[in-house]
Amino acid sequence: MKYNWLIIISLAVFIVLIMSTIIGSRWYNAEYTGAKSLGLIQGQLTECSKSPNCVSSQTTQRSKYIAPINASDTPELTWLMLRDVVDKMPQALLITENENYRHYQFTTPVMGFIDDVELLFDRTGMLIQVKSASRVGQSDMGANRNRVKLLRESLDEALSHK
């Protein structure tokens, strides 16, 4: 009987620790991890930090490069459809939007980490430049690259039905 109580108490303490970690990380991320290096500098997306948890179509760092989205067939339609595609993605929240720039926040479901996605419509080049970066940590386990890949695939699918 003593061992049953010991197991129950140990399990309860473990659950409280796990819940505290989850709740604490969500509070920390919401309160103390403001976005860094967002927006445009001289008409381009800001450079990725040295941390490996960023991909960008305008980076000078080879390991972080990802191709821009080609909008040459129907540039204006592609830009409009891209908004619909991102709005349907889980945990996406539009933060800033103007005629050629959008900033989204993506929040991970369990730990509440925030990633920033920026899109820049280059009308003359008929491209959509993209950047996806985690706010905290060193590794994103490929989440940012996979997010951009999913965004590109979802956009291609949406455009094929128009």
C-alpha atoms as a PDB file:
ATOM      1  CA  MET A   1       0.000   0.000   0.000  1.00  0.00           C
ATOM      2  CA  LYS A   2       2.895   2.373   0.777  1.00  0.00           C
ATOM      3  CA  TYR A   3       4.342   1.772  -2.657  1.00  0.00           C
ATOM      4  CA  ASN A   4       1.043   2.679  -4.365  1.00  0.00           C
ATOM      5  CA  TRP A   5       1.007   6.059  -2.596  1.00  0.00           C
ATOM      6  CA  LEU A   6       4.631   6.620  -3.442  1.00  0.00           C
ATOM      7  CA  ILE A   7       3.924   5.930  -7.120  1.00  0.00           C
ATOM      8  CA  ILE A   8       0.876   8.213  -7.107  1.00  0.00           C
ATOM      9  CA  ILE A   9       2.759  11.066  -5.422  1.00  0.00           C
ATOM     10  CA  SER A  10       5.748  10.661  -7.767  1.00  0.00           C
ATOM     11  CA  LEU A  11       3.462  10.687 -10.778  1.00  0.00           C
ATOM     12  CA  ALA A  12       1.649  13.790  -9.518  1.00  0.00           C
ATOM     13  CA  VAL A  13       4.945  15.634  -8.968  1.00  0.00           C
ATOM     14  CA  PHE A  14       6.103  14.623 -12.440  1.00  0.00           C
ATOM     15  CA  ILE A  15       2.871  15.891 -14.027  1.00  0.00           C
ATOM     16  CA  VAL A  16       3.127  19.195 -12.132  1.00  0.00           C
ATOM     17  CA  LEU A  17       6.724  19.648 -13.332  1.00  0.00           C
ATOM     18  CA  ILE A  18       5.793  18.936 -16.943  1.00  0.00           C
ATOM     19  CA  MET A  19       2.807  21.310 -16.825  1.00  0.00           C
ATOM     20  CA  SER A  20       4.932  24.013 -15.190  1.00  0.00           C
ATOM     21  CA  THR A  21       7.499  23.669 -17.959  1.00  0.00           C
ATOM     22  CA  ILE A  22       4.876  23.941 -20.687  1.00  0.00           C
ATOM     23  CA  ILE A  23       3.037  26.863 -19.101  1.00  0.00           C
ATOM     24  CA  GLY A  24       6.288  28.579 -18.162  1.00  0.00           C
ATOM     25  CA  SER A  25       7.720  28.285 -21.655  1.00  0.00           C
ATOM     26  CA  ARG A  26       4.534  29.724 -23.201  1.00  0.00           C
ATOM     27  CA  TRP A  27       4.641  32.668 -20.769  1.00  0.00           C
ATOM     28  CA  TYR A  28       8.352  33.204 -21.386  1.00  0.00           C
ATOM     29  CA  ASN A  29       7.952  33.093 -25.153  1.00  0.00           C
ATOM     30  CA  ALA A  30       5.004  35.475 -25.150  1.00  0.00           C
ATOM     31  CA  GLU A  31       6.517  37.978 -22.761  1.00  0.00           C
ATOM     32  CA  TYR A  32      10.254  38.016 -23.356  1.00  0.00           C
ATOM     33  CA  THR A  33      11.064  36.942 -26.872  1.00  0.00           C
ATOM     34  CA  GLY A  34      10.285  39.890 -29.061  1.00  0.00           C
ATOM     35  CA  ALA A  35      11.046  39.426 -32.716  1.00  0.00           C
ATOM     36  CA  LYS A  36      14.558  40.414 -33.738  1.00  0.00           C
ATOM     37  CA  SER A  37      15.787  41.392 -37.186  1.00  0.00           C
ATOM     38  CA  LEU A  38      12.418  41.670 -38.870  1.00  0.00           C
ATOM     39  CA  GLY A  39      11.337  43.932 -41.664  1.00  0.00           C
ATOM     40  CA  LEU A  40      13.207  45.368 -44.580  1.00  0.00           C
ATOM     41  CA  ILE A  41      16.597  47.000 -44.985  1.00  0.00           C
ATOM     42  CA  GLN A  42      17.084  48.768 -48.297  1.00  0.00           C
ATOM     43  CA  GLY A  43      14.150  46.879 -49.789  1.00  0.00           C
ATOM     44  CA  GLN A  44      15.357  43.419 -48.737  1.00  0.00           C
ATOM     45  CA  LEU A  45      14.528  41.053 -45.903  1.00  0.00           C
ATOM     46  CA  THR A  46      16.961  41.296 -43.004  1.00  0.00           C
ATOM     47  CA  GLU A  47      19.797  38.789 -42.869  1.00  0.00           C
ATOM     48  CA  CYS A  48      19.417  35.576 -40.870  1.00  0.00           C
ATOM     49  CA  SER A  49      21.265  35.525 -37.555  1.00  0.00           C
ATOM     50  CA  LYS A  50      24.225  33.200 -37.009  1.00  0.00           C
ATOM     51  CA  SER A  51      21.912  30.685 -35.325  1.00  0.00           C
ATOM     52  CA  PRO A  52      21.046  27.722 -37.611  1.00  0.00           C
ATOM     53  CA  ASN A  53      17.288  28.068 -37.083  1.00  0.00           C
ATOM     54  CA  CYS A  54      16.570  30.369 -40.042  1.00  0.00           C
ATOM     55  CA  VAL A  55      16.085  30.029 -43.803  1.00  0.00           C
ATOM     56  CA  SER A  56      15.840  32.870 -46.293  1.00  0.00           C
ATOM     57  CA  SER A  57      15.811  33.442 -50.026  1.00  0.00           C
ATOM     58  CA  GLN A  58      17.892  36.606 -49.530  1.00  0.00           C
ATOM     59  CA  THR A  59      20.560  35.319 -47.158  1.00  0.00           C
ATOM     60  CA  THR A  60      24.259  35.327 -47.937  1.00  0.00           C
ATOM     61  CA  GLN A  61      24.711  32.188 -45.788  1.00  0.00           C
ATOM     62  CA  ARG A  62      24.628  29.123 -48.064  1.00  0.00           C
ATOM     63  CA  SER A  63      23.360  26.674 -45.454  1.00  0.00           C
ATOM     64  CA  LYS A  64      20.332  28.890 -44.822  1.00  0.00           C
ATOM     65  CA  TYR A  65      19.411  29.627 -48.422  1.00  0.00           C
ATOM     66  CA  ILE A  66      16.021  28.594 -49.767  1.00  0.00           C
ATOM     67  CA  ALA A  67      14.739  29.541 -53.205  1.00  0.00           C
ATOM     68  CA  PRO A  68      12.202  32.357 -53.532  1.00  0.00           C
ATOM     69  CA  ILE A  69       8.684  31.589 -54.696  1.00  0.00           C
ATOM     70  CA  ASN A  70       8.320  32.035 -58.446  1.00  0.00           C
ATOM     71  CA  ALA A  71       5.374  34.286 -59.308  1.00  0.00           C
ATOM     72  CA  SER A  72       6.130  34.793 -63.009  1.00  0.00           C
ATOM     73  CA  ASP A  73       2.955  33.258 -64.460  1.00  0.00           C
ATOM     74  CA  THR A  74       0.441  35.275 -62.448  1.00  0.00           C
ATOM     75  CA  PRO A  75       2.280  37.534 -59.978  1.00  0.00           C
ATOM     76  CA  GLU A  76      -0.680  39.409 -58.473  1.00  0.00           C
ATOM     77  CA  LEU A  77      -2.805  36.264 -58.195  1.00  0.00           C
ATOM     78  CA  THR A  78       0.106  34.380 -56.627  1.00  0.00           C
ATOM     79  CA  TRP A  79       0.551  37.124 -53.999  1.00  0.00           C
ATOM     80  CA  LEU A  80      -3.193  37.071 -53.195  1.00  0.00           C
ATOM     81  CA  MET A  81      -3.405  33.272 -53.100  1.00  0.00           C
ATOM     82  CA  LEU A  82      -0.367  33.100 -50.851  1.00  0.00           C
ATOM     83  CA  ARG A  83      -2.292  35.048 -48.207  1.00  0.00           C
ATOM     84  CA  ASP A  84      -5.123  32.498 -48.320  1.00  0.00           C
ATOM     85  CA  VAL A  85      -2.665  29.602 -48.147  1.00  0.00           C
ATOM     86  CA  VAL A  86      -0.816  30.952 -45.089  1.00  0.00           C
ATOM     87  CA  ASP A  87      -4.077  31.911 -43.353  1.00  0.00           C
ATOM     88  CA  LYS A  88      -5.129  28.236 -43.532  1.00  0.00           C
ATOM     89  CA  MET A  89      -1.890  26.959 -42.000  1.00  0.00           C
ATOM     90  CA  PRO A  90      -2.101  25.858 -38.346  1.00  0.00           C
ATOM     91  CA  GLN A  91      -0.933  28.344 -35.709  1.00  0.00           C
ATOM     92  CA  ALA A  92      -0.441  31.162 -38.269  1.00  0.00           C
ATOM     93  CA  LEU A  93      -1.188  34.729 -37.214  1.00  0.00           C
ATOM     94  CA  LEU A  94      -0.845  37.699 -39.578  1.00  0.00           C
ATOM     95  CA  ILE A  95       1.012  40.506 -37.763  1.00  0.00           C
ATOM     96  CA  THR A  96       1.861  43.046 -40.479  1.00  0.00           C
ATOM     97  CA  GLU A  97       0.665  43.474 -44.035  1.00  0.00           C
ATOM     98  CA  ASN A  98       1.143  46.063 -46.727  1.00  0.00           C
ATOM     99  CA  GLU A  99       1.079  45.926 -50.516  1.00  0.00           C
ATOM    100  CA  ASN A 100       4.383  44.043 -50.832  1.00  0.00           C
ATOM    101  CA  TYR A 101       5.275  42.720 -47.342  1.00  0.00           C
ATOM    102  CA  ARG A 102       3.689  40.336 -44.833  1.00  0.00           C
ATOM    103  CA  HIS A 103       4.881  39.183 -41.424  1.00  0.00           C
ATOM    104  CA  TYR A 104       3.317  36.115 -39.798  1.00  0.00           C
ATOM    105  CA  GLN A 105       3.899  34.469 -36.434  1.00  0.00           C
ATOM    106  CA  PHE A 106       3.654  30.714 -36.065  1.00  0.00           C
ATOM    107  CA  THR A 107       3.336  29.282 -32.554  1.00  0.00           C
ATOM    108  CA  THR A 108       4.325  25.678 -31.882  1.00  0.00           C
ATOM    109  CA  PRO A 109       1.458  23.699 -30.334  1.00  0.00           C
ATOM    110  CA  VAL A 110       3.078  22.219 -27.232  1.00  0.00           C
ATOM    111  CA  MET A 111       5.848  24.510 -26.038  1.00  0.00           C
ATOM    112  CA  GLY A 112       4.517  27.737 -27.542  1.00  0.00           C
ATOM    113  CA  PHE A 113       7.722  28.742 -29.323  1.00  0.00           C
ATOM    114  CA  ILE A 114       7.229  31.549 -31.829  1.00  0.00           C
ATOM    115  CA  ASP A 115       8.654  31.495 -35.345  1.00  0.00           C
ATOM    116  CA  ASP A 116       8.455  34.464 -37.719  1.00  0.00           C
ATOM    117  CA  VAL A 117       7.701  34.160 -41.421  1.00  0.00           C
ATOM    118  CA  GLU A 118       8.231  37.133 -43.704  1.00  0.00           C
ATOM    119  CA  LEU A 119       7.157  37.426 -47.330  1.00  0.00           C
ATOM    120  CA  LEU A 120       8.318  40.157 -49.691  1.00  0.00           C
ATOM    121  CA  PHE A 121       6.671  40.584 -53.099  1.00  0.00           C
ATOM    122  CA  ASP A 122       9.252  41.595 -55.709  1.00  0.00           C
ATOM    123  CA  ARG A 123       6.994  42.716 -58.559  1.00  0.00           C
ATOM    124  CA  THR A 124       9.830  43.576 -60.946  1.00  0.00           C
ATOM    125  CA  GLY A 125      11.544  40.205 -60.474  1.00  0.00           C
ATOM    126  CA  MET A 126       8.170  38.418 -60.251  1.00  0.00           C
ATOM    127  CA  LEU A 127       9.350  36.602 -57.128  1.00  0.00           C
ATOM    128  CA  ILE A 128       8.182  36.319 -53.554  1.00  0.00           C
ATOM    129  CA  GLN A 129      11.158  36.433 -51.231  1.00  0.00           C
ATOM    130  CA  VAL A 130      10.709  34.389 -48.062  1.00  0.00           C
ATOM    131  CA  LYS A 131      12.299  34.177 -44.625  1.00  0.00           C
ATOM    132  CA  SER A 132      11.346  31.840 -41.777  1.00  0.00           C
ATOM    133  CA  ALA A 133      13.183  32.071 -38.445  1.00  0.00           C
ATOM    134  CA  SER A 134      12.800  30.817 -34.886  1.00  0.00           C
ATOM    135  CA  ARG A 135      13.034  33.422 -32.146  1.00  0.00           C
ATOM    136  CA  VAL A 136      14.755  31.266 -29.544  1.00  0.00           C
ATOM    137  CA  GLY A 137      17.076  28.287 -29.428  1.00  0.00           C
ATOM    138  CA  GLN A 138      19.737  27.010 -31.759  1.00  0.00           C
ATOM    139  CA  SER A 139      18.126  24.153 -33.649  1.00  0.00           C
ATOM    140  CA  ASP A 140      14.671  24.056 -35.145  1.00  0.00           C
ATOM    141  CA  MET A 141      15.048  20.448 -36.378  1.00  0.00           C
ATOM    142  CA  GLY A 142      14.284  21.658 -39.907  1.00  0.00           C
ATOM    143  CA  ALA A 143      10.950  23.247 -38.972  1.00  0.00           C
ATOM    144  CA  ASN A 144      11.551  26.531 -40.801  1.00  0.00           C
ATOM    145  CA  ARG A 145      12.734  24.876 -44.020  1.00  0.00           C
ATOM    146  CA  ASN A 146       9.826  22.416 -43.853  1.00  0.00           C
ATOM    147  CA  ARG A 147       7.358  25.256 -43.266  1.00  0.00           C
ATOM    148  CA  VAL A 148       8.518  27.079 -46.392  1.00  0.00           C
ATOM    149  CA  LYS A 149       8.399  23.810 -48.350  1.00  0.00           C
ATOM    150  CA  LEU A 150       4.821  23.197 -47.166  1.00  0.00           C
ATOM    151  CA  LEU A 151       3.873  26.788 -47.977  1.00  0.00           C
ATOM    152  CA  ARG A 152       5.285  26.403 -51.516  1.00  0.00           C
ATOM    153  CA  GLU A 153       3.519  23.051 -52.071  1.00  0.00           C
ATOM    154  CA  SER A 154       0.205  24.375 -50.735  1.00  0.00           C
ATOM    155  CA  LEU A 155       0.461  27.451 -52.967  1.00  0.00           C
ATOM    156  CA  ASP A 156       1.196  25.317 -56.042  1.00  0.00           C
ATOM    157  CA  GLU A 157      -1.828  23.162 -55.201  1.00  0.00           C
ATOM    158  CA  ALA A 158      -4.084  26.213 -54.723  1.00  0.00           C
ATOM    159  CA  LEU A 159      -2.900  27.815 -57.988  1.00  0.00           C
ATOM    160  CA  SER A 160      -3.468  24.606 -59.933  1.00  0.00           C
ATOM    161  CA  HIS A 161      -7.191  24.818 -59.052  1.00  0.00           C
ATOM    162  CA  LYS A 162      -7.617  28.405 -60.217  1.00  0.00           C
END
